[in-house]
Amino acid sequence: MYPSDINDKEWEILEQHVEQGAIGRPRKHNIRTIINAIRYIMRGGCQWRMLPKDFPPWKTVYDYFLRWRNSGKLEKIHDMLVKEVRKMAGKNETPSVGIIDSQSVKTTQKGDL
């Protein structure tokens, strides 16, 4: 167990978005373990090849990460989680106002006169 592992409550939310039906061959590795491995890499900042041996092989984990990233699945999961957090905080699912903060910096212009 690592600090980056998802807990049971987090898994309940994520499971429906990453589990697939009975199409294709059975999985060799537990999908929750794959997610934990991806989170380990993302939170720890280590290289894929340095993934501890108690996770599935790094190439397998990396393949899942690439497929989910390229298909847009990671972005969809992120957007879903943002909406859930906003609802839990008593806010609308999507923000109704956007604020842009810009800073003006005075510069000294040098040039030929």
PDB file of N, CA and C in Angstrom:
ATOM      1  N   MET A   1       0.847  -1.181   0.000  1.00  0.00           N
ATOM      2  CA  MET A   1       0.000   0.000   0.000  1.00  0.00           C
ATOM      3  C   MET A   1       0.888   1.239   0.000  1.00  0.00           C
ATOM      4  N   TYR A   2       0.565   2.167  -0.874  1.00  0.00           N
ATOM      5  CA  TYR A   2       1.320   3.410  -1.017  1.00  0.00           C
ATOM      6  C   TYR A   2       0.408   4.595  -0.704  1.00  0.00           C
ATOM      7  N   PRO A   3       0.981   5.718  -0.291  1.00  0.00           N
ATOM      8  CA  PRO A   3       0.157   6.897  -0.003  1.00  0.00           C
ATOM      9  C   PRO A   3      -0.642   7.377  -1.221  1.00  0.00           C
ATOM     10  N   SER A   4      -0.179   7.053  -2.410  1.00  0.00           N
ATOM     11  CA  SER A   4      -0.868   7.489  -3.630  1.00  0.00           C
ATOM     12  C   SER A   4      -2.034   6.581  -4.013  1.00  0.00           C
ATOM     13  N   ASP A   5      -2.199   5.435  -3.351  1.00  0.00           N
ATOM     14  CA  ASP A   5      -3.283   4.506  -3.687  1.00  0.00           C
ATOM     15  C   ASP A   5      -4.650   5.147  -3.424  1.00  0.00           C
ATOM     16  N   ILE A   6      -5.618   4.788  -4.281  1.00  0.00           N
ATOM     17  CA  ILE A   6      -6.969   5.306  -4.075  1.00  0.00           C
ATOM     18  C   ILE A   6      -7.655   4.494  -2.975  1.00  0.00           C
ATOM     19  N   ASN A   7      -8.502   5.180  -2.219  1.00  0.00           N
ATOM     20  CA  ASN A   7      -9.223   4.475  -1.161  1.00  0.00           C
ATOM     21  C   ASN A   7     -10.526   3.902  -1.724  1.00  0.00           C
ATOM     22  N   ASP A   8     -11.265   3.177  -0.898  1.00  0.00           N
ATOM     23  CA  ASP A   8     -12.485   2.504  -1.363  1.00  0.00           C
ATOM     24  C   ASP A   8     -13.535   3.486  -1.855  1.00  0.00           C
ATOM     25  N   LYS A   9     -13.674   4.617  -1.191  1.00  0.00           N
ATOM     26  CA  LYS A   9     -14.677   5.607  -1.600  1.00  0.00           C
ATOM     27  C   LYS A   9     -14.315   6.203  -2.965  1.00  0.00           C
ATOM     28  N   GLU A  10     -13.037   6.496  -3.162  1.00  0.00           N
ATOM     29  CA  GLU A  10     -12.590   7.010  -4.458  1.00  0.00           C
ATOM     30  C   GLU A  10     -12.796   5.960  -5.550  1.00  0.00           C
ATOM     31  N   TRP A  11     -12.542   4.703  -5.213  1.00  0.00           N
ATOM     32  CA  TRP A  11     -12.716   3.629  -6.189  1.00  0.00           C
ATOM     33  C   TRP A  11     -14.176   3.487  -6.605  1.00  0.00           C
ATOM     34  N   GLU A  12     -15.096   3.652  -5.661  1.00  0.00           N
ATOM     35  CA  GLU A  12     -16.522   3.578  -5.999  1.00  0.00           C
ATOM     36  C   GLU A  12     -16.888   4.594  -7.069  1.00  0.00           C
ATOM     37  N   ILE A  13     -16.303   5.769  -6.990  1.00  0.00           N
ATOM     38  CA  ILE A  13     -16.581   6.823  -7.966  1.00  0.00           C
ATOM     39  C   ILE A  13     -15.919   6.518  -9.304  1.00  0.00           C
ATOM     40  N   LEU A  14     -14.680   6.064  -9.271  1.00  0.00           N
ATOM     41  CA  LEU A  14     -13.912   5.831 -10.494  1.00  0.00           C
ATOM     42  C   LEU A  14     -14.276   4.545 -11.231  1.00  0.00           C
ATOM     43  N   GLU A  15     -14.654   3.541 -10.493  1.00  0.00           N
ATOM     44  CA  GLU A  15     -14.840   2.206 -11.068  1.00  0.00           C
ATOM     45  C   GLU A  15     -15.742   2.208 -12.295  1.00  0.00           C
ATOM     46  N   GLN A  16     -16.840   2.900 -12.223  1.00  0.00           N
ATOM     47  CA  GLN A  16     -17.794   2.894 -13.341  1.00  0.00           C
ATOM     48  C   GLN A  16     -17.229   3.560 -14.599  1.00  0.00           C
ATOM     49  N   HIS A  17     -16.186   4.367 -14.448  1.00  0.00           N
ATOM     50  CA  HIS A  17     -15.618   5.068 -15.588  1.00  0.00           C
ATOM     51  C   HIS A  17     -14.430   4.342 -16.219  1.00  0.00           C
ATOM     52  N   VAL A  18     -13.890   3.358 -15.522  1.00  0.00           N
ATOM     53  CA  VAL A  18     -12.729   2.644 -16.067  1.00  0.00           C
ATOM     54  C   VAL A  18     -12.990   1.172 -16.322  1.00  0.00           C
ATOM     55  N   GLU A  19     -13.964   0.593 -15.651  1.00  0.00           N
ATOM     56  CA  GLU A  19     -14.278  -0.819 -15.883  1.00  0.00           C
ATOM     57  C   GLU A  19     -14.966  -0.962 -17.237  1.00  0.00           C
ATOM     58  N   GLN A  20     -14.638  -2.022 -17.933  1.00  0.00           N
ATOM     59  CA  GLN A  20     -15.252  -2.301 -19.221  1.00  0.00           C
ATOM     60  C   GLN A  20     -16.087  -3.555 -19.106  1.00  0.00           C
ATOM     61  N   GLY A  21     -16.942  -3.736 -20.067  1.00  0.00           N
ATOM     62  CA  GLY A  21     -17.790  -4.917 -20.086  1.00  0.00           C
ATOM     63  C   GLY A  21     -16.993  -6.169 -20.399  1.00  0.00           C
ATOM     64  N   ALA A  22     -17.690  -7.235 -20.704  1.00  0.00           N
ATOM     65  CA  ALA A  22     -17.069  -8.538 -20.958  1.00  0.00           C
ATOM     66  C   ALA A  22     -16.596  -8.677 -22.401  1.00  0.00           C
ATOM     67  N   ILE A  23     -16.342  -7.554 -23.076  1.00  0.00           N
ATOM     68  CA  ILE A  23     -15.881  -7.601 -24.462  1.00  0.00           C
ATOM     69  C   ILE A  23     -14.364  -7.785 -24.464  1.00  0.00           C
ATOM     70  N   GLY A  24     -13.879  -8.671 -25.304  1.00  0.00           N
ATOM     71  CA  GLY A  24     -12.437  -8.889 -25.392  1.00  0.00           C
ATOM     72  C   GLY A  24     -11.956  -9.933 -24.397  1.00  0.00           C
ATOM     73  N   ARG A  25     -10.663 -10.070 -24.357  1.00  0.00           N
ATOM     74  CA  ARG A  25     -10.084 -11.073 -23.459  1.00  0.00           C
ATOM     75  C   ARG A  25     -10.082 -10.567 -22.014  1.00  0.00           C
ATOM     76  N   PRO A  26     -10.081 -11.487 -21.070  1.00  0.00           N
ATOM     77  CA  PRO A  26     -10.065 -11.079 -19.659  1.00  0.00           C
ATOM     78  C   PRO A  26      -8.768 -10.338 -19.315  1.00  0.00           C
ATOM     79  N   ARG A  27      -8.871  -9.421 -18.403  1.00  0.00           N
ATOM     80  CA  ARG A  27      -7.697  -8.667 -17.969  1.00  0.00           C
ATOM     81  C   ARG A  27      -6.755  -9.550 -17.167  1.00  0.00           C
ATOM     82  N   LYS A  28      -5.484  -9.325 -17.368  1.00  0.00           N
ATOM     83  CA  LYS A  28      -4.468 -10.048 -16.610  1.00  0.00           C
ATOM     84  C   LYS A  28      -4.209  -9.339 -15.278  1.00  0.00           C
ATOM     85  N   HIS A  29      -4.394  -8.003 -15.257  1.00  0.00           N
ATOM     86  CA  HIS A  29      -4.112  -7.197 -14.072  1.00  0.00           C
ATOM     87  C   HIS A  29      -5.373  -6.452 -13.634  1.00  0.00           C
ATOM     88  N   ASN A  30      -5.504  -6.297 -12.347  1.00  0.00           N
ATOM     89  CA  ASN A  30      -6.626  -5.573 -11.763  1.00  0.00           C
ATOM     90  C   ASN A  30      -6.550  -4.103 -12.150  1.00  0.00           C
ATOM     91  N   ILE A  31      -7.664  -3.550 -12.626  1.00  0.00           N
ATOM     92  CA  ILE A  31      -7.665  -2.174 -13.112  1.00  0.00           C
ATOM     93  C   ILE A  31      -7.388  -1.174 -11.987  1.00  0.00           C
ATOM     94  N   ARG A  32      -7.814  -1.486 -10.779  1.00  0.00           N
ATOM     95  CA  ARG A  32      -7.533  -0.600  -9.642  1.00  0.00           C
ATOM     96  C   ARG A  32      -6.020  -0.534  -9.386  1.00  0.00           C
ATOM     97  N   THR A  33      -5.337  -1.649  -9.552  1.00  0.00           N
ATOM     98  CA  THR A  33      -3.888  -1.683  -9.389  1.00  0.00           C
ATOM     99  C   THR A  33      -3.203  -0.859 -10.476  1.00  0.00           C
ATOM    100  N   ILE A  34      -3.751  -0.903 -11.681  1.00  0.00           N
ATOM    101  CA  ILE A  34      -3.226  -0.087 -12.787  1.00  0.00           C
ATOM    102  C   ILE A  34      -3.358   1.391 -12.438  1.00  0.00           C
ATOM    103  N   ILE A  35      -4.530   1.782 -11.944  1.00  0.00           N
ATOM    104  CA  ILE A  35      -4.754   3.181 -11.568  1.00  0.00           C
ATOM    105  C   ILE A  35      -3.811   3.583 -10.437  1.00  0.00           C
ATOM    106  N   ASN A  36      -3.645   2.720  -9.464  1.00  0.00           N
ATOM    107  CA  ASN A  36      -2.723   3.018  -8.368  1.00  0.00           C
ATOM    108  C   ASN A  36      -1.293   3.203  -8.889  1.00  0.00           C
ATOM    109  N   ALA A  37      -0.904   2.403  -9.866  1.00  0.00           N
ATOM    110  CA  ALA A  37       0.436   2.526 -10.437  1.00  0.00           C
ATOM    111  C   ALA A  37       0.596   3.852 -11.176  1.00  0.00           C
ATOM    112  N   ILE A  38      -0.426   4.238 -11.943  1.00  0.00           N
ATOM    113  CA  ILE A  38      -0.384   5.523 -12.654  1.00  0.00           C
ATOM    114  C   ILE A  38      -0.298   6.667 -11.645  1.00  0.00           C
ATOM    115  N   ARG A  39      -1.100   6.591 -10.588  1.00  0.00           N
ATOM    116  CA  ARG A  39      -1.055   7.629  -9.554  1.00  0.00           C
ATOM    117  C   ARG A  39       0.302   7.668  -8.854  1.00  0.00           C
ATOM    118  N   TYR A  40       0.915   6.514  -8.648  1.00  0.00           N
ATOM    119  CA  TYR A  40       2.238   6.456  -8.031  1.00  0.00           C
ATOM    120  C   TYR A  40       3.242   7.246  -8.874  1.00  0.00           C
ATOM    121  N   ILE A  41       3.206   7.016 -10.177  1.00  0.00           N
ATOM    122  CA  ILE A  41       4.111   7.713 -11.092  1.00  0.00           C
ATOM    123  C   ILE A  41       3.815   9.214 -11.103  1.00  0.00           C
ATOM    124  N   MET A  42       2.538   9.575 -11.222  1.00  0.00           N
ATOM    125  CA  MET A  42       2.168  10.985 -11.327  1.00  0.00           C
ATOM    126  C   MET A  42       2.468  11.762 -10.045  1.00  0.00           C
ATOM    127  N   ARG A  43       2.215  11.167  -8.913  1.00  0.00           N
ATOM    128  CA  ARG A  43       2.431  11.861  -7.641  1.00  0.00           C
ATOM    129  C   ARG A  43       3.881  11.817  -7.197  1.00  0.00           C
ATOM    130  N   GLY A  44       4.585  10.743  -7.539  1.00  0.00           N
ATOM    131  CA  GLY A  44       5.972  10.602  -7.107  1.00  0.00           C
ATOM    132  C   GLY A  44       6.979  11.198  -8.080  1.00  0.00           C
ATOM    133  N   GLY A  45       6.576  11.313  -9.340  1.00  0.00           N
ATOM    134  CA  GLY A  45       7.442  11.910 -10.336  1.00  0.00           C
ATOM    135  C   GLY A  45       8.600  11.034 -10.794  1.00  0.00           C
ATOM    136  N   CYS A  46       8.514   9.731 -10.568  1.00  0.00           N
ATOM    137  CA  CYS A  46       9.611   8.868 -11.003  1.00  0.00           C
ATOM    138  C   CYS A  46       9.390   8.416 -12.453  1.00  0.00           C
ATOM    139  N   GLN A  47      10.374   7.791 -13.013  1.00  0.00           N
ATOM    140  CA  GLN A  47      10.282   7.287 -14.373  1.00  0.00           C
ATOM    141  C   GLN A  47       9.428   6.024 -14.405  1.00  0.00           C
ATOM    142  N   TRP A  48       8.811   5.762 -15.557  1.00  0.00           N
ATOM    143  CA  TRP A  48       7.958   4.584 -15.695  1.00  0.00           C
ATOM    144  C   TRP A  48       8.735   3.310 -15.377  1.00  0.00           C
ATOM    145  N   ARG A  49       9.972   3.236 -15.821  1.00  0.00           N
ATOM    146  CA  ARG A  49      10.777   2.031 -15.614  1.00  0.00           C
ATOM    147  C   ARG A  49      11.129   1.812 -14.147  1.00  0.00           C
ATOM    148  N   MET A  50      10.932   2.831 -13.311  1.00  0.00           N
ATOM    149  CA  MET A  50      11.257   2.714 -11.888  1.00  0.00           C
ATOM    150  C   MET A  50      10.040   2.333 -11.046  1.00  0.00           C
ATOM    151  N   LEU A  51       8.955   1.951 -11.700  1.00  0.00           N
ATOM    152  CA  LEU A  51       7.755   1.524 -10.990  1.00  0.00           C
ATOM    153  C   LEU A  51       8.078   0.308 -10.128  1.00  0.00           C
ATOM    154  N   PRO A  52       7.722   0.321  -8.837  1.00  0.00           N
ATOM    155  CA  PRO A  52       8.027  -0.824  -7.969  1.00  0.00           C
ATOM    156  C   PRO A  52       7.459  -2.137  -8.524  1.00  0.00           C
ATOM    157  N   LYS A  53       8.112  -3.226  -8.194  1.00  0.00           N
ATOM    158  CA  LYS A  53       7.761  -4.546  -8.735  1.00  0.00           C
ATOM    159  C   LYS A  53       6.429  -5.090  -8.229  1.00  0.00           C
ATOM    160  N   ASP A  54       5.859  -4.489  -7.153  1.00  0.00           N
ATOM    161  CA  ASP A  54       4.567  -4.998  -6.692  1.00  0.00           C
ATOM    162  C   ASP A  54       3.403  -4.441  -7.510  1.00  0.00           C
ATOM    163  N   PHE A  55       3.697  -3.569  -8.481  1.00  0.00           N
ATOM    164  CA  PHE A  55       2.706  -3.119  -9.454  1.00  0.00           C
ATOM    165  C   PHE A  55       2.834  -3.992 -10.699  1.00  0.00           C
ATOM    166  N   PRO A  56       1.861  -3.924 -11.606  1.00  0.00           N
ATOM    167  CA  PRO A  56       2.018  -4.634 -12.880  1.00  0.00           C
ATOM    168  C   PRO A  56       3.250  -4.097 -13.615  1.00  0.00           C
ATOM    169  N   PRO A  57       3.720  -4.797 -14.642  1.00  0.00           N
ATOM    170  CA  PRO A  57       4.885  -4.322 -15.393  1.00  0.00           C
ATOM    171  C   PRO A  57       4.690  -2.891 -15.892  1.00  0.00           C
ATOM    172  N   TRP A  58       5.763  -2.116 -15.866  1.00  0.00           N
ATOM    173  CA  TRP A  58       5.662  -0.704 -16.217  1.00  0.00           C
ATOM    174  C   TRP A  58       5.132  -0.513 -17.633  1.00  0.00           C
ATOM    175  N   LYS A  59       5.483  -1.388 -18.562  1.00  0.00           N
ATOM    176  CA  LYS A  59       5.008  -1.249 -19.941  1.00  0.00           C
ATOM    177  C   LYS A  59       3.491  -1.393 -20.019  1.00  0.00           C
ATOM    178  N   THR A  60       2.933  -2.279 -19.209  1.00  0.00           N
ATOM    179  CA  THR A  60       1.479  -2.464 -19.167  1.00  0.00           C
ATOM    180  C   THR A  60       0.803  -1.210 -18.624  1.00  0.00           C
ATOM    181  N   VAL A  61       1.330  -0.700 -17.523  1.00  0.00           N
ATOM    182  CA  VAL A  61       0.762   0.511 -16.906  1.00  0.00           C
ATOM    183  C   VAL A  61       0.871   1.684 -17.871  1.00  0.00           C
ATOM    184  N   TYR A  62       2.015   1.832 -18.514  1.00  0.00           N
ATOM    185  CA  TYR A  62       2.233   2.921 -19.458  1.00  0.00           C
ATOM    186  C   TYR A  62       1.283   2.807 -20.644  1.00  0.00           C
ATOM    187  N   ASP A  63       1.026   1.583 -21.104  1.00  0.00           N
ATOM    188  CA  ASP A  63       0.102   1.371 -22.219  1.00  0.00           C
ATOM    189  C   ASP A  63      -1.309   1.833 -21.857  1.00  0.00           C
ATOM    190  N   TYR A  64      -1.767   1.476 -20.651  1.00  0.00           N
ATOM    191  CA  TYR A  64      -3.076   1.949 -20.203  1.00  0.00           C
ATOM    192  C   TYR A  64      -3.103   3.470 -20.161  1.00  0.00           C
ATOM    193  N   PHE A  65      -2.063   4.070 -19.578  1.00  0.00           N
ATOM    194  CA  PHE A  65      -1.996   5.526 -19.480  1.00  0.00           C
ATOM    195  C   PHE A  65      -2.084   6.171 -20.865  1.00  0.00           C
ATOM    196  N   LEU A  66      -1.290   5.678 -21.814  1.00  0.00           N
ATOM    197  CA  LEU A  66      -1.300   6.252 -23.171  1.00  0.00           C
ATOM    198  C   LEU A  66      -2.660   6.112 -23.840  1.00  0.00           C
ATOM    199  N   ARG A  67      -3.250   4.915 -23.733  1.00  0.00           N
ATOM    200  CA  ARG A  67      -4.560   4.700 -24.371  1.00  0.00           C
ATOM    201  C   ARG A  67      -5.615   5.616 -23.773  1.00  0.00           C
ATOM    202  N   TRP A  68      -5.635   5.744 -22.444  1.00  0.00           N
ATOM    203  CA  TRP A  68      -6.627   6.597 -21.792  1.00  0.00           C
ATOM    204  C   TRP A  68      -6.380   8.066 -22.103  1.00  0.00           C
ATOM    205  N   ARG A  69      -5.110   8.467 -22.148  1.00  0.00           N
ATOM    206  CA  ARG A  69      -4.805   9.864 -22.465  1.00  0.00           C
ATOM    207  C   ARG A  69      -5.195  10.181 -23.903  1.00  0.00           C
ATOM    208  N   ASN A  70      -4.794   9.324 -24.837  1.00  0.00           N
ATOM    209  CA  ASN A  70      -5.044   9.574 -26.254  1.00  0.00           C
ATOM    210  C   ASN A  70      -6.518   9.485 -26.626  1.00  0.00           C
ATOM    211  N   SER A  71      -7.275   8.669 -25.915  1.00  0.00           N
ATOM    212  CA  SER A  71      -8.702   8.525 -26.216  1.00  0.00           C
ATOM    213  C   SER A  71      -9.549   9.615 -25.555  1.00  0.00           C
ATOM    214  N   GLY A  72      -8.938  10.379 -24.659  1.00  0.00           N
ATOM    215  CA  GLY A  72      -9.676  11.422 -23.951  1.00  0.00           C
ATOM    216  C   GLY A  72     -10.315  10.936 -22.660  1.00  0.00           C
ATOM    217  N   LYS A  73     -10.111   9.664 -22.320  1.00  0.00           N
ATOM    218  CA  LYS A  73     -10.732   9.102 -21.117  1.00  0.00           C
ATOM    219  C   LYS A  73     -10.234   9.797 -19.847  1.00  0.00           C
ATOM    220  N   LEU A  74      -8.942  10.093 -19.756  1.00  0.00           N
ATOM    221  CA  LEU A  74      -8.410  10.771 -18.569  1.00  0.00           C
ATOM    222  C   LEU A  74      -9.031  12.155 -18.406  1.00  0.00           C
ATOM    223  N   GLU A  75      -9.194  12.860 -19.508  1.00  0.00           N
ATOM    224  CA  GLU A  75      -9.806  14.191 -19.452  1.00  0.00           C
ATOM    225  C   GLU A  75     -11.273  14.104 -19.032  1.00  0.00           C
ATOM    226  N   LYS A  76     -11.988  13.110 -19.526  1.00  0.00           N
ATOM    227  CA  LYS A  76     -13.389  12.924 -19.137  1.00  0.00           C
ATOM    228  C   LYS A  76     -13.509  12.609 -17.650  1.00  0.00           C
ATOM    229  N   ILE A  77     -12.616  11.760 -17.151  1.00  0.00           N
ATOM    230  CA  ILE A  77     -12.625  11.427 -15.724  1.00  0.00           C
ATOM    231  C   ILE A  77     -12.318  12.674 -14.904  1.00  0.00           C
ATOM    232  N   HIS A  78     -11.335  13.451 -15.339  1.00  0.00           N
ATOM    233  CA  HIS A  78     -10.996  14.692 -14.638  1.00  0.00           C
ATOM    234  C   HIS A  78     -12.195  15.632 -14.579  1.00  0.00           C
ATOM    235  N   ASP A  79     -12.846  15.843 -15.719  1.00  0.00           N
ATOM    236  CA  ASP A  79     -14.000  16.741 -15.767  1.00  0.00           C
ATOM    237  C   ASP A  79     -15.133  16.250 -14.874  1.00  0.00           C
ATOM    238  N   MET A  80     -15.363  14.930 -14.858  1.00  0.00           N
ATOM    239  CA  MET A  80     -16.397  14.355 -13.999  1.00  0.00           C
ATOM    240  C   MET A  80     -16.074  14.600 -12.528  1.00  0.00           C
ATOM    241  N   LEU A  81     -14.807  14.423 -12.160  1.00  0.00           N
ATOM    242  CA  LEU A  81     -14.408  14.625 -10.761  1.00  0.00           C
ATOM    243  C   LEU A  81     -14.528  16.090 -10.347  1.00  0.00           C
ATOM    244  N   VAL A  82     -14.199  17.007 -11.240  1.00  0.00           N
ATOM    245  CA  VAL A  82     -14.348  18.432 -10.938  1.00  0.00           C
ATOM    246  C   VAL A  82     -15.815  18.750 -10.671  1.00  0.00           C
ATOM    247  N   LYS A  83     -16.701  18.216 -11.491  1.00  0.00           N
ATOM    248  CA  LYS A  83     -18.139  18.447 -11.291  1.00  0.00           C
ATOM    249  C   LYS A  83     -18.606  17.889  -9.947  1.00  0.00           C
ATOM    250  N   GLU A  84     -18.137  16.687  -9.603  1.00  0.00           N
ATOM    251  CA  GLU A  84     -18.523  16.073  -8.327  1.00  0.00           C
ATOM    252  C   GLU A  84     -18.049  16.915  -7.143  1.00  0.00           C
ATOM    253  N   VAL A  85     -16.821  17.401  -7.209  1.00  0.00           N
ATOM    254  CA  VAL A  85     -16.280  18.221  -6.124  1.00  0.00           C
ATOM    255  C   VAL A  85     -17.067  19.519  -6.000  1.00  0.00           C
ATOM    256  N   ARG A  86     -17.419  20.123  -7.125  1.00  0.00           N
ATOM    257  CA  ARG A  86     -18.205  21.368  -7.092  1.00  0.00           C
ATOM    258  C   ARG A  86     -19.582  21.119  -6.475  1.00  0.00           C
ATOM    259  N   LYS A  87     -20.209  19.986  -6.844  1.00  0.00           N
ATOM    260  CA  LYS A  87     -21.515  19.661  -6.257  1.00  0.00           C
ATOM    261  C   LYS A  87     -21.402  19.464  -4.756  1.00  0.00           C
ATOM    262  N   MET A  88     -20.356  18.758  -4.315  1.00  0.00           N
ATOM    263  CA  MET A  88     -20.157  18.517  -2.886  1.00  0.00           C
ATOM    264  C   MET A  88     -19.935  19.826  -2.123  1.00  0.00           C
ATOM    265  N   ALA A  89     -19.382  20.819  -2.806  1.00  0.00           N
ATOM    266  CA  ALA A  89     -19.134  22.118  -2.182  1.00  0.00           C
ATOM    267  C   ALA A  89     -20.357  23.020  -2.268  1.00  0.00           C
ATOM    268  N   GLY A  90     -21.462  22.501  -2.833  1.00  0.00           N
ATOM    269  CA  GLY A  90     -22.697  23.285  -2.930  1.00  0.00           C
ATOM    270  C   GLY A  90     -22.699  24.286  -4.073  1.00  0.00           C
ATOM    271  N   LYS A  91     -21.865  24.061  -5.072  1.00  0.00           N
ATOM    272  CA  LYS A  91     -21.779  24.968  -6.223  1.00  0.00           C
ATOM    273  C   LYS A  91     -22.393  24.309  -7.442  1.00  0.00           C
ATOM    274  N   ASN A  92     -22.634  25.117  -8.484  1.00  0.00           N
ATOM    275  CA  ASN A  92     -23.076  24.568  -9.763  1.00  0.00           C
ATOM    276  C   ASN A  92     -21.978  23.689 -10.330  1.00  0.00           C
ATOM    277  N   GLU A  93     -22.376  22.706 -11.149  1.00  0.00           N
ATOM    278  CA  GLU A  93     -21.391  21.792 -11.734  1.00  0.00           C
ATOM    279  C   GLU A  93     -20.346  22.529 -12.562  1.00  0.00           C
ATOM    280  N   THR A  94     -20.781  23.560 -13.268  1.00  0.00           N
ATOM    281  CA  THR A  94     -19.838  24.332 -14.081  1.00  0.00           C
ATOM    282  C   THR A  94     -19.801  25.768 -13.576  1.00  0.00           C
ATOM    283  N   PRO A  95     -18.631  26.385 -13.601  1.00  0.00           N
ATOM    284  CA  PRO A  95     -18.532  27.771 -13.135  1.00  0.00           C
ATOM    285  C   PRO A  95     -19.353  28.693 -14.023  1.00  0.00           C
ATOM    286  N   SER A  96     -19.936  29.708 -13.423  1.00  0.00           N
ATOM    287  CA  SER A  96     -20.740  30.657 -14.194  1.00  0.00           C
ATOM    288  C   SER A  96     -19.981  31.942 -14.484  1.00  0.00           C
ATOM    289  N   VAL A  97     -18.839  32.110 -13.866  1.00  0.00           N
ATOM    290  CA  VAL A  97     -18.050  33.317 -14.050  1.00  0.00           C
ATOM    291  C   VAL A  97     -16.592  32.919 -14.253  1.00  0.00           C
ATOM    292  N   GLY A  98     -15.942  33.616 -15.135  1.00  0.00           N
ATOM    293  CA  GLY A  98     -14.512  33.409 -15.331  1.00  0.00           C
ATOM    294  C   GLY A  98     -13.786  34.708 -15.036  1.00  0.00           C
ATOM    295  N   ILE A  99     -12.686  34.625 -14.381  1.00  0.00           N
ATOM    296  CA  ILE A  99     -11.909  35.810 -14.048  1.00  0.00           C
ATOM    297  C   ILE A  99     -10.538  35.675 -14.690  1.00  0.00           C
ATOM    298  N   ILE A 100     -10.170  36.706 -15.396  1.00  0.00           N
ATOM    299  CA  ILE A 100      -8.849  36.734 -16.011  1.00  0.00           C
ATOM    300  C   ILE A 100      -8.047  37.810 -15.315  1.00  0.00           C
ATOM    301  N   ASP A 101      -6.903  37.441 -14.815  1.00  0.00           N
ATOM    302  CA  ASP A 101      -6.038  38.376 -14.119  1.00  0.00           C
ATOM    303  C   ASP A 101      -4.833  38.637 -14.998  1.00  0.00           C
ATOM    304  N   SER A 102      -4.633  39.900 -15.318  1.00  0.00           N
ATOM    305  CA  SER A 102      -3.460  40.221 -16.121  1.00  0.00           C
ATOM    306  C   SER A 102      -2.654  41.278 -15.393  1.00  0.00           C
ATOM    307  N   GLN A 103      -1.407  41.308 -15.699  1.00  0.00           N
ATOM    308  CA  GLN A 103      -0.514  42.245 -15.040  1.00  0.00           C
ATOM    309  C   GLN A 103       0.184  43.063 -16.112  1.00  0.00           C
ATOM    310  N   SER A 104       0.165  44.354 -15.915  1.00  0.00           N
ATOM    311  CA  SER A 104       0.863  45.234 -16.848  1.00  0.00           C
ATOM    312  C   SER A 104       2.258  45.497 -16.312  1.00  0.00           C
ATOM    313  N   VAL A 105       3.213  45.397 -17.190  1.00  0.00           N
ATOM    314  CA  VAL A 105       4.582  45.651 -16.805  1.00  0.00           C
ATOM    315  C   VAL A 105       5.104  46.781 -17.674  1.00  0.00           C
ATOM    316  N   LYS A 106       5.584  47.834 -17.022  1.00  0.00           N
ATOM    317  CA  LYS A 106       6.132  48.944 -17.774  1.00  0.00           C
ATOM    318  C   LYS A 106       7.509  48.543 -18.287  1.00  0.00           C
ATOM    319  N   THR A 107       7.745  48.885 -19.514  1.00  0.00           N
ATOM    320  CA  THR A 107       9.042  48.597 -20.096  1.00  0.00           C
ATOM    321  C   THR A 107       9.655  49.879 -20.603  1.00  0.00           C
ATOM    322  N   THR A 108      10.932  49.886 -20.707  1.00  0.00           N
ATOM    323  CA  THR A 108      11.639  51.025 -21.283  1.00  0.00           C
ATOM    324  C   THR A 108      12.013  50.643 -22.679  1.00  0.00           C
ATOM    325  N   GLN A 109      11.544  51.441 -23.591  1.00  0.00           N
ATOM    326  CA  GLN A 109      11.826  51.141 -24.990  1.00  0.00           C
ATOM    327  C   GLN A 109      13.147  51.771 -25.386  1.00  0.00           C
ATOM    328  N   LYS A 110      13.998  50.999 -25.970  1.00  0.00           N
ATOM    329  CA  LYS A 110      15.256  51.514 -26.486  1.00  0.00           C
ATOM    330  C   LYS A 110      15.220  51.378 -27.992  1.00  0.00           C
ATOM    331  N   GLY A 111      15.623  52.366 -28.613  1.00  0.00           N
ATOM    332  CA  GLY A 111      15.649  52.281 -30.053  1.00  0.00           C
ATOM    333  C   GLY A 111      16.420  53.462 -30.644  1.00  0.00           C
ATOM    334  N   ASP A 112      16.598  53.389 -31.927  1.00  0.00           N
ATOM    335  CA  ASP A 112      17.297  54.476 -32.598  1.00  0.00           C
ATOM    336  C   ASP A 112      16.323  55.611 -32.832  1.00  0.00           C
ATOM    337  N   LEU A 113      16.707  56.816 -32.451  1.00  0.00           N
ATOM    338  CA  LEU A 113      15.862  58.001 -32.689  1.00  0.00           C
ATOM    339  C   LEU A 113      16.420  58.848 -33.759  1.00  0.00           C
TER     340      LEU A 113
END
